[in-house]
Structure formats: structure tokens, C-alpha cells
């Protein structure tokens, strides 16, 4: 009985781990899909993950590097900070951009930021206002190099989301089948134990009656 409970507990632990990993995977992939469809960056508890697909911030942020950014009050920013913002540059159609602050001005009571990519020769042609800022750079998470281009493929994103879900579903079906089999086995063993007990009790009663008759 205790062995069965131990196996059952282990199965539930493995299932829980798979479920947690799947949730994180869904959030990660959902983040990527949301960004591609809306060109907006979702935030989770004030943090966002961005995939840098250009070389403008090398060597600090190599091409195809996932970075962590944190929501920030524009008043707290200073020259030298690396920020992610919605660019006004028509060549990138208002997509998120990550560059370093080189100058800060105040115009009509609002902060205006001048930015530049570390690998670029000149500053960005379009200024950044406070409302365009997504967050401030925290650190690199993972650099994938040329392999990172795969993550920009919608087919890959679909596979990345569907395959783990299918595997988890199959694992659950197998797990439930094994659990049902174990439960059935335990019931059979319990019935056999009850029958054995009843048989021994009957034999003991018969022996006692025989003794009484002989007396």
C-alpha cells in the first residue's frame, strides 16, 4: 500500500513539473507571438523580455540576444543608461528599439532623450519622449547568434508551443492508465487478502467447534 502511494506521489510531482514548465513556455511563446502581431511588448510584474535582432548595440548586446528590461520612471533615467523604446523612425515602423542614452533634455516640462547604438557612428535621428519608453536594460539572458533567427519563424513558434503540449497530454494519458491499473491491482489484492482472512477465520472456527464436540 505504501509503495503504491509513493509511486502515485512521484507521478503527481512529475506531472506538476511538466505543467509548470508548460506554463512558462506558453508565457514565453505568447510573449513572442504578441510582440510579432501587435509590435507591442508585454510586461510581467514590470519586467519584459526582448530579442535584439540587430548589431547596433554590440559588443554589449550581440545580435539575437534575449535581454531583460524593467519598467522605469523616465525621471530616474540618466545618460549612459540603455533603454528600450518605441522608435519614431519610419524605417523600422515604430518597432521597439534598444539604444543608449547620450543626452537628456527637458522640453515643455517633459523629458526628451537622445539615443545612439553603441556600434553606430551617429546618434538616432529621432528623439525619444517619455511616453515611448518601455523600460531600462537590466542584463543579457541568452545569446543565440545566427541560430536566433529560428526563433523569429512562426512555424518554429507553433512547434515550440504545440509539441510540449502534445507530449504533456500523452504523458498524462499514460500516467492515468498506469494509475488506474495500479488502483485495480490494489483492489484485487485487497479482495484476495479479505478472502484469505475469511478462510483462516472459518478454519479457526471449525477447529474450535471440533474441540468442543470432543469434550
N, C-alpha and C. Protein backbone atom coordinates (compact mmCIF):
# COMPACT_ATOMS: atom_id res chain seq x y z
N UNK A 1 0.82 -1.21 0.00
CA UNK A 1 0.00 0.00 0.00
C UNK A 1 0.86 1.26 0.00
N UNK A 2 1.86 1.27 0.90
CA UNK A 2 2.75 2.44 0.99
C UNK A 2 3.55 2.63 -0.29
N UNK A 3 3.94 1.50 -0.93
CA UNK A 3 4.70 1.56 -2.18
C UNK A 3 3.84 2.18 -3.28
N UNK A 4 2.55 1.80 -3.30
CA UNK A 4 1.63 2.35 -4.30
C UNK A 4 1.47 3.86 -4.11
N UNK A 5 1.30 4.27 -2.85
CA UNK A 5 1.16 5.70 -2.57
C UNK A 5 2.41 6.47 -2.98
N UNK A 6 3.60 5.85 -2.76
CA UNK A 6 4.85 6.50 -3.14
C UNK A 6 4.95 6.70 -4.64
N UNK A 7 4.55 5.66 -5.40
CA UNK A 7 4.58 5.76 -6.87
C UNK A 7 3.60 6.83 -7.34
N UNK A 8 2.42 6.86 -6.73
CA UNK A 8 1.41 7.83 -7.11
C UNK A 8 1.88 9.26 -6.84
N UNK A 9 2.54 9.45 -5.70
CA UNK A 9 3.05 10.77 -5.33
C UNK A 9 4.12 11.21 -6.33
N UNK A 10 5.01 10.30 -6.73
CA UNK A 10 6.07 10.61 -7.68
C UNK A 10 5.50 11.03 -9.02
N UNK A 11 4.44 10.33 -9.44
CA UNK A 11 3.80 10.66 -10.72
C UNK A 11 3.20 12.05 -10.68
N UNK A 12 2.57 12.39 -9.56
CA UNK A 12 1.97 13.71 -9.44
C UNK A 12 3.03 14.80 -9.44
N UNK A 13 4.18 14.53 -8.81
CA UNK A 13 5.27 15.50 -8.79
C UNK A 13 5.79 15.75 -10.20
N UNK A 14 6.01 14.67 -10.96
CA UNK A 14 6.49 14.79 -12.34
C UNK A 14 5.47 15.55 -13.19
N UNK A 15 4.19 15.24 -12.99
CA UNK A 15 3.13 15.94 -13.73
C UNK A 15 3.13 17.43 -13.41
N UNK A 16 3.30 17.76 -12.14
CA UNK A 16 3.32 19.16 -11.72
C UNK A 16 4.49 19.90 -12.35
N UNK A 17 5.66 19.25 -12.41
CA UNK A 17 6.85 19.87 -13.02
C UNK A 17 6.60 20.14 -14.50
N UNK A 18 6.04 19.15 -15.20
CA UNK A 18 5.72 19.32 -16.62
C UNK A 18 4.74 20.46 -16.81
N UNK A 19 3.74 20.55 -15.94
CA UNK A 19 2.72 21.59 -16.05
C UNK A 19 3.32 22.98 -15.87
N UNK A 20 4.20 23.11 -14.87
CA UNK A 20 4.85 24.40 -14.61
C UNK A 20 5.71 24.81 -15.80
N UNK A 21 6.49 23.86 -16.34
CA UNK A 21 7.32 24.15 -17.50
C UNK A 21 6.47 24.57 -18.69
N UNK A 22 5.34 23.91 -18.86
CA UNK A 22 4.46 24.23 -19.97
C UNK A 22 3.89 25.64 -19.81
N UNK A 23 3.53 26.01 -18.59
CA UNK A 23 3.01 27.36 -18.34
C UNK A 23 4.04 28.42 -18.70
N UNK A 24 5.29 28.20 -18.24
CA UNK A 24 6.35 29.15 -18.56
C UNK A 24 6.60 29.21 -20.07
N UNK A 25 6.51 28.06 -20.71
CA UNK A 25 6.72 28.00 -22.16
C UNK A 25 5.62 28.76 -22.89
N UNK A 26 4.38 28.59 -22.43
CA UNK A 26 3.26 29.30 -23.03
C UNK A 26 3.42 30.80 -22.87
N UNK A 27 3.85 31.24 -21.68
CA UNK A 27 4.08 32.66 -21.44
C UNK A 27 5.17 33.19 -22.36
N UNK A 28 6.27 32.42 -22.48
CA UNK A 28 7.40 32.83 -23.31
C UNK A 28 7.00 32.94 -24.78
N UNK A 29 6.35 31.87 -25.27
CA UNK A 29 5.94 31.86 -26.68
C UNK A 29 4.84 32.89 -26.92
N UNK A 30 3.91 33.00 -25.96
CA UNK A 30 2.86 34.00 -26.09
C UNK A 30 3.42 35.40 -26.18
N UNK A 31 4.48 35.64 -25.42
CA UNK A 31 5.17 36.93 -25.47
C UNK A 31 5.70 37.22 -26.87
N UNK A 32 6.32 36.21 -27.47
CA UNK A 32 6.88 36.37 -28.80
C UNK A 32 5.78 36.59 -29.86
N UNK A 33 4.70 35.80 -29.75
CA UNK A 33 3.60 35.94 -30.71
C UNK A 33 2.94 37.31 -30.58
N UNK A 34 2.71 37.73 -29.33
CA UNK A 34 2.10 39.03 -29.07
C UNK A 34 2.95 40.15 -29.66
N UNK A 35 4.26 40.05 -29.47
CA UNK A 35 5.17 41.08 -29.98
C UNK A 35 5.15 41.14 -31.50
N UNK A 36 5.11 39.95 -32.15
CA UNK A 36 5.12 39.92 -33.60
C UNK A 36 3.82 40.45 -34.19
N UNK A 37 2.70 40.15 -33.55
CA UNK A 37 1.40 40.55 -34.10
C UNK A 37 1.11 42.03 -33.86
N UNK A 38 1.38 42.50 -32.64
CA UNK A 38 1.00 43.87 -32.27
C UNK A 38 2.14 44.87 -32.28
N UNK A 39 3.38 44.36 -32.38
CA UNK A 39 4.57 45.22 -32.27
C UNK A 39 4.64 45.91 -30.91
N UNK A 40 3.94 45.35 -29.93
CA UNK A 40 3.99 45.86 -28.56
C UNK A 40 4.70 44.85 -27.67
N UNK A 41 5.24 45.35 -26.56
CA UNK A 41 5.99 44.49 -25.66
C UNK A 41 5.19 44.26 -24.38
N UNK A 42 4.77 43.01 -24.12
CA UNK A 42 4.03 42.72 -22.89
C UNK A 42 4.94 42.79 -21.68
N UNK A 43 4.36 43.11 -20.54
CA UNK A 43 5.13 43.22 -19.30
C UNK A 43 4.56 42.27 -18.27
N UNK A 44 5.45 41.58 -17.54
CA UNK A 44 5.05 40.67 -16.47
C UNK A 44 5.69 41.14 -15.17
N UNK A 45 4.84 41.67 -14.27
CA UNK A 45 5.32 42.20 -12.98
C UNK A 45 6.40 43.26 -13.20
N UNK A 46 6.23 44.06 -14.24
CA UNK A 46 7.15 45.16 -14.50
C UNK A 46 8.37 44.79 -15.32
N UNK A 47 8.48 43.52 -15.72
CA UNK A 47 9.64 43.07 -16.50
C UNK A 47 9.18 42.56 -17.87
N UNK A 48 10.06 42.73 -18.84
CA UNK A 48 9.79 42.24 -20.20
C UNK A 48 11.04 41.59 -20.75
N UNK A 49 10.84 40.71 -21.72
CA UNK A 49 11.96 40.05 -22.40
C UNK A 49 11.93 40.46 -23.87
N UNK A 50 13.07 40.89 -24.37
CA UNK A 50 13.18 41.33 -25.76
C UNK A 50 14.25 40.54 -26.49
N UNK A 51 14.02 40.29 -27.77
CA UNK A 51 15.03 39.65 -28.61
C UNK A 51 15.64 40.72 -29.50
N UNK A 52 16.92 41.00 -29.29
CA UNK A 52 17.62 42.03 -30.07
C UNK A 52 18.10 41.40 -31.38
N UNK A 53 17.58 41.90 -32.51
CA UNK A 53 17.87 41.26 -33.80
C UNK A 53 18.83 42.07 -34.66
N UNK A 54 19.40 43.14 -34.09
CA UNK A 54 20.37 43.94 -34.86
C UNK A 54 21.72 43.94 -34.16
N UNK A 55 22.70 44.53 -34.82
CA UNK A 55 24.06 44.59 -34.26
C UNK A 55 24.39 45.97 -33.70
N UNK A 56 23.39 46.84 -33.59
CA UNK A 56 23.66 48.24 -33.21
C UNK A 56 24.16 48.40 -31.78
N UNK A 57 23.93 47.41 -30.92
CA UNK A 57 24.38 47.53 -29.53
C UNK A 57 25.54 46.60 -29.21
N UNK A 58 26.19 46.07 -30.23
CA UNK A 58 27.38 45.24 -29.98
C UNK A 58 28.53 46.14 -29.53
N UNK A 59 29.44 45.68 -28.68
CA UNK A 59 29.57 44.29 -28.22
C UNK A 59 28.76 43.94 -26.97
N UNK A 60 28.18 44.94 -26.29
CA UNK A 60 27.48 44.64 -25.03
C UNK A 60 26.28 43.73 -25.26
N UNK A 61 25.53 43.99 -26.33
CA UNK A 61 24.37 43.16 -26.63
C UNK A 61 24.52 42.62 -28.05
N UNK A 62 25.02 41.40 -28.20
CA UNK A 62 25.21 40.81 -29.53
C UNK A 62 23.88 40.59 -30.25
N UNK A 63 23.97 40.43 -31.55
CA UNK A 63 22.78 40.15 -32.35
C UNK A 63 22.10 38.86 -31.87
N UNK A 64 20.77 38.86 -31.91
CA UNK A 64 19.96 37.70 -31.48
C UNK A 64 20.24 37.31 -30.02
N UNK A 65 20.20 38.33 -29.17
CA UNK A 65 20.33 38.12 -27.74
C UNK A 65 19.01 38.48 -27.06
N UNK A 66 18.56 37.61 -26.17
CA UNK A 66 17.38 37.91 -25.38
C UNK A 66 17.82 38.71 -24.15
N UNK A 67 17.19 39.86 -23.95
CA UNK A 67 17.55 40.72 -22.83
C UNK A 67 16.36 40.91 -21.89
N UNK A 68 16.68 41.25 -20.65
CA UNK A 68 15.65 41.55 -19.65
C UNK A 68 15.59 43.05 -19.46
N UNK A 69 14.38 43.61 -19.56
CA UNK A 69 14.22 45.03 -19.31
C UNK A 69 13.20 45.26 -18.20
N UNK A 70 13.33 46.37 -17.51
CA UNK A 70 12.47 46.67 -16.37
C UNK A 70 11.78 48.01 -16.57
N UNK A 71 10.50 48.03 -16.26
CA UNK A 71 9.74 49.28 -16.36
C UNK A 71 10.37 50.32 -15.44
N UNK A 72 10.43 51.56 -15.92
CA UNK A 72 11.15 52.58 -15.17
C UNK A 72 10.45 53.93 -15.27
N UNK A 73 10.61 54.73 -14.23
CA UNK A 73 10.14 56.11 -14.26
C UNK A 73 11.15 56.92 -15.08
N UNK A 74 10.73 57.57 -16.17
CA UNK A 74 11.67 58.32 -17.01
C UNK A 74 12.52 59.33 -16.24
N UNK A 75 11.99 59.83 -15.13
CA UNK A 75 12.74 60.81 -14.34
C UNK A 75 13.97 60.19 -13.68
N UNK A 76 14.00 58.86 -13.57
CA UNK A 76 15.12 58.18 -12.93
C UNK A 76 16.23 57.83 -13.92
N UNK A 77 15.96 58.00 -15.20
CA UNK A 77 16.97 57.66 -16.21
C UNK A 77 18.08 58.69 -16.25
N UNK A 78 19.26 58.21 -16.65
CA UNK A 78 20.41 59.10 -16.74
C UNK A 78 21.23 58.78 -17.99
N UNK A 79 22.10 59.68 -18.35
CA UNK A 79 22.96 59.47 -19.51
C UNK A 79 23.81 58.21 -19.28
N UNK A 80 23.85 57.35 -20.28
CA UNK A 80 24.60 56.10 -20.17
C UNK A 80 23.70 54.89 -19.99
N UNK A 81 22.45 55.13 -19.56
CA UNK A 81 21.51 54.01 -19.44
C UNK A 81 21.11 53.49 -20.82
N UNK A 82 20.89 52.19 -20.89
CA UNK A 82 20.39 51.58 -22.13
C UNK A 82 18.89 51.38 -21.96
N UNK A 83 18.12 51.92 -22.89
CA UNK A 83 16.67 51.83 -22.77
C UNK A 83 16.05 51.17 -24.01
N UNK A 84 14.88 50.59 -23.79
CA UNK A 84 14.10 50.04 -24.90
C UNK A 84 12.90 50.96 -25.08
N UNK A 85 12.62 51.35 -26.30
CA UNK A 85 11.57 52.33 -26.57
C UNK A 85 10.92 52.07 -27.93
N UNK A 86 9.72 52.62 -28.10
CA UNK A 86 9.06 52.54 -29.41
C UNK A 86 9.63 53.66 -30.27
N UNK A 87 10.33 53.27 -31.32
CA UNK A 87 11.02 54.24 -32.15
C UNK A 87 10.06 54.99 -33.07
N UNK A 88 10.37 56.26 -33.30
CA UNK A 88 9.61 57.08 -34.24
C UNK A 88 10.21 57.04 -35.64
N UNK A 89 11.31 56.31 -35.77
CA UNK A 89 11.98 56.20 -37.06
C UNK A 89 11.10 55.41 -38.02
N UNK A 90 10.67 56.02 -39.14
CA UNK A 90 9.79 55.32 -40.09
C UNK A 90 10.44 54.11 -40.75
N UNK A 91 11.76 54.03 -40.71
CA UNK A 91 12.44 52.89 -41.36
C UNK A 91 12.22 51.59 -40.60
N UNK A 92 11.87 51.69 -39.32
CA UNK A 92 11.57 50.46 -38.55
C UNK A 92 10.12 50.46 -38.08
N UNK A 93 9.32 51.36 -38.64
CA UNK A 93 7.86 51.37 -38.46
C UNK A 93 7.41 51.38 -37.00
N UNK A 94 8.09 52.13 -36.17
CA UNK A 94 7.67 52.26 -34.77
C UNK A 94 7.89 51.03 -33.92
N UNK A 95 8.75 50.13 -34.36
CA UNK A 95 9.04 48.92 -33.60
C UNK A 95 9.89 49.25 -32.37
N UNK A 96 9.93 48.35 -31.38
CA UNK A 96 10.80 48.58 -30.23
C UNK A 96 12.26 48.63 -30.65
N UNK A 97 12.99 49.53 -30.03
CA UNK A 97 14.42 49.70 -30.32
C UNK A 97 15.16 49.81 -28.99
N UNK A 98 16.38 49.33 -28.95
CA UNK A 98 17.17 49.38 -27.71
C UNK A 98 18.49 50.08 -27.98
N UNK A 99 18.65 51.27 -27.43
CA UNK A 99 19.87 52.07 -27.61
C UNK A 99 20.24 52.75 -26.31
N UNK A 100 21.42 53.35 -26.29
CA UNK A 100 21.94 54.01 -25.09
C UNK A 100 21.62 55.51 -25.09
N UNK A 101 21.29 56.03 -23.91
CA UNK A 101 21.02 57.47 -23.77
C UNK A 101 22.33 58.24 -23.80
N UNK A 102 22.41 59.22 -24.70
CA UNK A 102 23.62 60.05 -24.79
C UNK A 102 23.38 61.48 -24.29
N UNK A 103 22.10 61.86 -24.21
CA UNK A 103 21.77 63.21 -23.73
C UNK A 103 20.32 63.23 -23.28
N UNK A 104 20.04 64.09 -22.31
CA UNK A 104 18.67 64.25 -21.80
C UNK A 104 18.34 65.74 -21.76
N UNK A 105 17.18 66.09 -22.33
CA UNK A 105 16.72 67.47 -22.31
C UNK A 105 15.31 67.53 -21.74
N UNK A 106 14.92 68.71 -21.29
CA UNK A 106 13.55 68.91 -20.82
C UNK A 106 12.90 69.96 -21.71
N UNK A 107 11.83 69.56 -22.37
CA UNK A 107 11.10 70.46 -23.26
C UNK A 107 9.64 70.52 -22.83
N UNK A 108 9.19 71.72 -22.50
CA UNK A 108 7.81 71.93 -22.05
C UNK A 108 7.46 71.04 -20.85
N UNK A 109 8.44 70.86 -19.98
CA UNK A 109 8.22 70.09 -18.76
C UNK A 109 8.32 68.59 -18.95
N UNK A 110 8.62 68.13 -20.14
CA UNK A 110 8.73 66.69 -20.42
C UNK A 110 10.17 66.30 -20.75
N UNK A 111 10.53 65.09 -20.35
CA UNK A 111 11.87 64.59 -20.66
C UNK A 111 11.96 64.16 -22.12
N UNK A 112 13.06 64.53 -22.75
CA UNK A 112 13.33 64.10 -24.13
C UNK A 112 14.72 63.47 -24.13
N UNK A 113 14.83 62.28 -24.71
CA UNK A 113 16.08 61.52 -24.66
C UNK A 113 16.69 61.40 -26.06
N UNK A 114 18.01 61.63 -26.10
CA UNK A 114 18.77 61.41 -27.33
C UNK A 114 19.47 60.06 -27.18
N UNK A 115 19.32 59.20 -28.15
CA UNK A 115 19.88 57.85 -28.04
C UNK A 115 20.81 57.53 -29.21
N UNK A 116 21.61 56.48 -28.99
CA UNK A 116 22.57 56.05 -30.01
C UNK A 116 22.94 54.59 -29.77
N UNK A 117 23.04 53.84 -30.84
CA UNK A 117 23.53 52.47 -30.73
C UNK A 117 25.03 52.50 -30.52
N UNK A 118 25.55 51.64 -29.65
CA UNK A 118 26.99 51.64 -29.35
C UNK A 118 27.83 51.40 -30.61
N UNK A 119 27.30 50.63 -31.54
CA UNK A 119 28.06 50.31 -32.76
C UNK A 119 27.78 51.29 -33.89
N UNK A 120 26.88 52.24 -33.66
CA UNK A 120 26.56 53.23 -34.69
C UNK A 120 27.47 54.44 -34.62
N UNK A 121 27.69 55.06 -35.75
CA UNK A 121 28.60 56.21 -35.81
C UNK A 121 27.94 57.49 -35.32
N UNK A 122 26.64 57.61 -35.50
CA UNK A 122 25.94 58.84 -35.12
C UNK A 122 24.72 58.52 -34.26
N UNK A 123 24.21 59.58 -33.61
CA UNK A 123 23.02 59.41 -32.76
C UNK A 123 21.79 59.16 -33.63
N UNK A 124 20.74 58.65 -32.99
CA UNK A 124 19.49 58.39 -33.70
C UNK A 124 18.89 59.71 -34.19
N UNK A 125 18.29 59.67 -35.35
CA UNK A 125 17.73 60.89 -35.95
C UNK A 125 16.47 61.36 -35.22
N UNK A 126 15.79 60.44 -34.55
CA UNK A 126 14.53 60.79 -33.89
C UNK A 126 14.68 60.71 -32.38
N UNK A 127 14.22 61.77 -31.70
CA UNK A 127 14.30 61.82 -30.25
C UNK A 127 13.28 60.85 -29.63
N UNK A 128 13.47 60.56 -28.35
CA UNK A 128 12.58 59.65 -27.62
C UNK A 128 11.90 60.42 -26.50
N UNK A 129 10.57 60.43 -26.51
CA UNK A 129 9.87 61.09 -25.41
C UNK A 129 9.51 60.07 -24.32
N UNK A 130 9.10 60.57 -23.18
CA UNK A 130 8.86 59.70 -22.01
C UNK A 130 7.81 58.64 -22.28
N UNK A 131 6.77 58.99 -23.04
CA UNK A 131 5.67 58.05 -23.28
C UNK A 131 6.07 56.88 -24.17
N UNK A 132 7.21 57.00 -24.86
CA UNK A 132 7.66 55.94 -25.77
C UNK A 132 8.55 54.91 -25.10
N UNK A 133 8.95 55.18 -23.86
CA UNK A 133 9.90 54.30 -23.18
C UNK A 133 9.20 53.05 -22.63
N UNK A 134 9.76 51.90 -22.96
CA UNK A 134 9.23 50.61 -22.49
C UNK A 134 9.89 50.21 -21.17
N UNK A 135 11.21 50.38 -21.10
CA UNK A 135 11.92 50.02 -19.89
C UNK A 135 13.42 50.23 -20.04
N UNK A 136 14.12 49.97 -18.95
CA UNK A 136 15.57 50.12 -18.94
C UNK A 136 16.23 48.74 -18.94
N UNK A 137 17.29 48.62 -19.69
CA UNK A 137 18.01 47.35 -19.83
C UNK A 137 18.57 46.90 -18.49
N UNK A 138 18.41 45.59 -18.20
CA UNK A 138 18.94 45.00 -16.97
C UNK A 138 20.14 44.09 -17.24
N UNK A 139 19.94 43.11 -18.13
CA UNK A 139 21.04 42.19 -18.42
C UNK A 139 20.70 41.32 -19.63
N UNK A 140 21.73 40.67 -20.16
CA UNK A 140 21.53 39.69 -21.22
C UNK A 140 21.07 38.38 -20.58
N UNK A 141 20.11 37.72 -21.21
CA UNK A 141 19.63 36.43 -20.72
C UNK A 141 20.31 35.28 -21.44
N UNK A 142 20.27 35.32 -22.77
CA UNK A 142 20.90 34.27 -23.56
C UNK A 142 21.19 34.79 -24.96
N UNK A 143 22.36 34.44 -25.47
CA UNK A 143 22.75 34.84 -26.82
C UNK A 143 22.74 33.61 -27.72
N UNK A 144 21.97 33.69 -28.80
CA UNK A 144 21.81 32.54 -29.68
C UNK A 144 22.54 32.69 -31.01
N UNK A 145 23.09 33.88 -31.27
CA UNK A 145 23.82 34.08 -32.53
C UNK A 145 22.90 33.89 -33.73
N UNK A 146 23.44 33.30 -34.80
CA UNK A 146 22.67 33.10 -36.02
C UNK A 146 21.50 32.15 -35.80
N UNK A 147 21.65 31.25 -34.83
CA UNK A 147 20.56 30.30 -34.54
C UNK A 147 19.32 31.03 -34.03
N UNK A 148 19.50 32.25 -33.52
CA UNK A 148 18.38 33.02 -33.00
C UNK A 148 17.36 33.39 -34.07
N UNK A 149 17.78 33.36 -35.33
CA UNK A 149 16.84 33.68 -36.41
C UNK A 149 15.70 32.66 -36.47
N UNK A 150 15.98 31.45 -35.99
CA UNK A 150 14.95 30.41 -35.99
C UNK A 150 13.78 30.85 -35.12
N UNK A 151 14.07 31.56 -34.02
CA UNK A 151 13.03 31.97 -33.09
C UNK A 151 12.09 33.01 -33.69
N UNK A 152 12.48 33.60 -34.81
CA UNK A 152 11.64 34.59 -35.45
C UNK A 152 10.68 33.94 -36.44
N UNK A 153 10.80 32.64 -36.61
CA UNK A 153 9.92 31.90 -37.52
C UNK A 153 8.63 31.52 -36.80
N UNK A 154 7.50 31.83 -37.41
CA UNK A 154 6.22 31.50 -36.79
C UNK A 154 6.00 29.98 -36.76
N UNK A 155 6.57 29.29 -37.73
CA UNK A 155 6.47 27.83 -37.74
C UNK A 155 7.17 27.25 -36.51
N UNK A 156 8.35 27.79 -36.21
CA UNK A 156 9.08 27.32 -35.03
C UNK A 156 8.32 27.62 -33.76
N UNK A 157 7.72 28.81 -33.68
CA UNK A 157 6.96 29.19 -32.50
C UNK A 157 5.78 28.25 -32.32
N UNK A 158 5.12 27.89 -33.43
CA UNK A 158 3.99 26.96 -33.38
C UNK A 158 4.44 25.61 -32.85
N UNK A 159 5.57 25.11 -33.39
CA UNK A 159 6.11 23.82 -32.95
C UNK A 159 6.50 23.87 -31.48
N UNK A 160 7.12 24.98 -31.09
CA UNK A 160 7.58 25.15 -29.72
C UNK A 160 6.43 25.12 -28.73
N UNK A 161 5.27 25.58 -29.16
CA UNK A 161 4.11 25.62 -28.28
C UNK A 161 3.33 24.30 -28.32
N UNK A 162 3.16 23.74 -29.51
CA UNK A 162 2.29 22.57 -29.67
C UNK A 162 2.96 21.28 -29.21
N UNK A 163 4.22 21.07 -29.58
CA UNK A 163 4.90 19.81 -29.25
C UNK A 163 4.92 19.53 -27.75
N UNK A 164 5.34 20.48 -26.90
CA UNK A 164 5.31 20.19 -25.46
C UNK A 164 3.90 19.91 -24.95
N UNK A 165 2.90 20.62 -25.50
CA UNK A 165 1.52 20.39 -25.09
C UNK A 165 1.07 18.97 -25.42
N UNK A 166 1.43 18.50 -26.62
CA UNK A 166 1.08 17.15 -27.04
C UNK A 166 1.79 16.12 -26.16
N UNK A 167 3.08 16.37 -25.88
CA UNK A 167 3.84 15.46 -25.04
C UNK A 167 3.25 15.37 -23.63
N UNK A 168 2.85 16.53 -23.10
CA UNK A 168 2.24 16.55 -21.77
C UNK A 168 0.92 15.78 -21.77
N UNK A 169 0.14 15.94 -22.84
CA UNK A 169 -1.14 15.24 -22.95
C UNK A 169 -0.93 13.72 -23.01
N UNK A 170 0.03 13.29 -23.83
CA UNK A 170 0.33 11.86 -23.95
C UNK A 170 0.84 11.31 -22.62
N UNK A 171 1.70 12.08 -21.97
CA UNK A 171 2.24 11.67 -20.67
C UNK A 171 1.11 11.50 -19.65
N UNK A 172 0.14 12.42 -19.68
CA UNK A 172 -0.97 12.35 -18.75
C UNK A 172 -1.84 11.12 -19.02
N UNK A 173 -2.07 10.81 -20.30
CA UNK A 173 -2.88 9.63 -20.65
C UNK A 173 -2.19 8.36 -20.13
N UNK A 174 -0.87 8.27 -20.37
CA UNK A 174 -0.12 7.10 -19.89
C UNK A 174 -0.14 7.03 -18.37
N UNK A 175 0.01 8.18 -17.75
CA UNK A 175 0.03 8.27 -16.29
C UNK A 175 -1.31 7.82 -15.70
N UNK A 176 -2.41 8.30 -16.30
CA UNK A 176 -3.75 7.93 -15.82
C UNK A 176 -4.00 6.44 -16.02
N UNK A 177 -3.55 5.89 -17.16
CA UNK A 177 -3.73 4.46 -17.43
C UNK A 177 -2.99 3.62 -16.40
N UNK A 178 -1.74 4.02 -16.09
CA UNK A 178 -0.96 3.29 -15.10
C UNK A 178 -1.59 3.39 -13.71
N UNK A 179 -2.08 4.60 -13.39
CA UNK A 179 -2.70 4.80 -12.08
C UNK A 179 -3.96 3.94 -11.94
N UNK A 180 -4.78 3.92 -13.00
CA UNK A 180 -6.00 3.10 -12.98
C UNK A 180 -5.65 1.62 -12.83
N UNK A 181 -4.59 1.17 -13.51
CA UNK A 181 -4.15 -0.21 -13.42
C UNK A 181 -3.69 -0.55 -12.01
N UNK A 182 -2.94 0.40 -11.40
CA UNK A 182 -2.45 0.18 -10.03
C UNK A 182 -3.62 0.12 -9.05
N UNK A 183 -4.61 1.00 -9.26
CA UNK A 183 -5.78 1.01 -8.37
C UNK A 183 -6.53 -0.31 -8.46
N UNK A 184 -6.71 -0.80 -9.70
CA UNK A 184 -7.39 -2.07 -9.92
C UNK A 184 -6.62 -3.22 -9.28
N UNK A 185 -5.29 -3.16 -9.42
CA UNK A 185 -4.45 -4.19 -8.84
C UNK A 185 -4.56 -4.19 -7.32
N UNK A 186 -4.62 -2.97 -6.75
CA UNK A 186 -4.74 -2.85 -5.30
C UNK A 186 -6.08 -3.40 -4.81
N UNK A 187 -7.14 -3.15 -5.60
CA UNK A 187 -8.46 -3.66 -5.23
C UNK A 187 -8.47 -5.19 -5.23
N UNK A 188 -7.86 -5.80 -6.27
CA UNK A 188 -7.80 -7.26 -6.38
C UNK A 188 -7.02 -7.85 -5.21
N UNK A 189 -5.85 -7.22 -4.91
CA UNK A 189 -5.04 -7.70 -3.80
C UNK A 189 -5.79 -7.57 -2.48
N UNK A 190 -6.57 -6.48 -2.35
CA UNK A 190 -7.35 -6.27 -1.13
C UNK A 190 -8.42 -7.33 -0.97
N UNK A 191 -9.09 -7.67 -2.10
CA UNK A 191 -10.13 -8.71 -2.05
C UNK A 191 -9.52 -10.07 -1.70
N UNK A 192 -8.34 -10.36 -2.29
CA UNK A 192 -7.67 -11.63 -2.01
C UNK A 192 -7.28 -11.71 -0.54
N UNK A 193 -6.81 -10.57 -0.01
CA UNK A 193 -6.42 -10.55 1.41
C UNK A 193 -7.64 -10.77 2.29
N UNK A 194 -8.78 -10.15 1.91
CA UNK A 194 -10.01 -10.33 2.69
C UNK A 194 -10.48 -11.78 2.63
N UNK A 195 -10.39 -12.40 1.43
CA UNK A 195 -10.80 -13.79 1.28
C UNK A 195 -9.92 -14.73 2.10
N UNK A 196 -8.61 -14.44 2.08
CA UNK A 196 -7.67 -15.26 2.87
C UNK A 196 -8.00 -15.14 4.35
N UNK A 197 -8.32 -13.93 4.77
CA UNK A 197 -8.65 -13.72 6.18
C UNK A 197 -9.92 -14.44 6.56
N UNK A 198 -10.92 -14.37 5.66
CA UNK A 198 -12.18 -15.04 5.93
C UNK A 198 -12.00 -16.55 5.99
N UNK A 199 -11.15 -17.09 5.09
CA UNK A 199 -10.89 -18.53 5.06
C UNK A 199 -10.23 -18.99 6.36
N UNK A 200 -9.20 -18.22 6.79
CA UNK A 200 -8.50 -18.59 8.02
C UNK A 200 -9.42 -18.51 9.22
N UNK A 201 -10.29 -17.49 9.20
CA UNK A 201 -11.23 -17.33 10.31
C UNK A 201 -12.21 -18.50 10.35
N UNK A 202 -12.65 -18.95 9.16
CA UNK A 202 -13.57 -20.08 9.07
C UNK A 202 -12.91 -21.37 9.55
N UNK A 203 -11.64 -21.54 9.15
CA UNK A 203 -10.91 -22.73 9.58
C UNK A 203 -10.70 -22.74 11.09
N UNK A 204 -10.42 -21.58 11.62
CA UNK A 204 -10.21 -21.48 13.07
C UNK A 204 -11.48 -21.78 13.83
N UNK A 205 -12.60 -21.30 13.28
CA UNK A 205 -13.89 -21.54 13.93
C UNK A 205 -14.25 -23.02 13.89
N UNK A 206 -13.96 -23.68 12.75
CA UNK A 206 -14.23 -25.11 12.62
C UNK A 206 -13.42 -25.93 13.59
N UNK A 207 -12.19 -25.58 13.79
CA UNK A 207 -11.30 -26.28 14.72
C UNK A 207 -11.79 -26.16 16.14
N UNK A 208 -12.26 -24.95 16.49
CA UNK A 208 -12.76 -24.70 17.83
C UNK A 208 -14.01 -25.54 18.10
N UNK A 209 -14.91 -25.63 17.08
CA UNK A 209 -16.13 -26.41 17.24
C UNK A 209 -15.80 -27.89 17.42
N UNK A 210 -14.77 -28.38 16.68
CA UNK A 210 -14.36 -29.78 16.80
C UNK A 210 -13.87 -30.10 18.20
N UNK A 211 -13.15 -29.20 18.79
CA UNK A 211 -12.63 -29.38 20.15
C UNK A 211 -13.78 -29.46 21.16
N UNK A 212 -14.79 -28.57 20.96
CA UNK A 212 -15.91 -28.55 21.87
C UNK A 212 -16.70 -29.87 21.80
N UNK A 213 -16.87 -30.43 20.61
CA UNK A 213 -17.60 -31.67 20.44
C UNK A 213 -16.87 -32.83 21.11
N UNK A 214 -15.58 -32.87 20.99
CA UNK A 214 -14.78 -33.96 21.57
C UNK A 214 -14.84 -33.90 23.08
N UNK A 215 -14.95 -32.69 23.63
CA UNK A 215 -15.06 -32.52 25.08
C UNK A 215 -16.42 -33.05 25.56
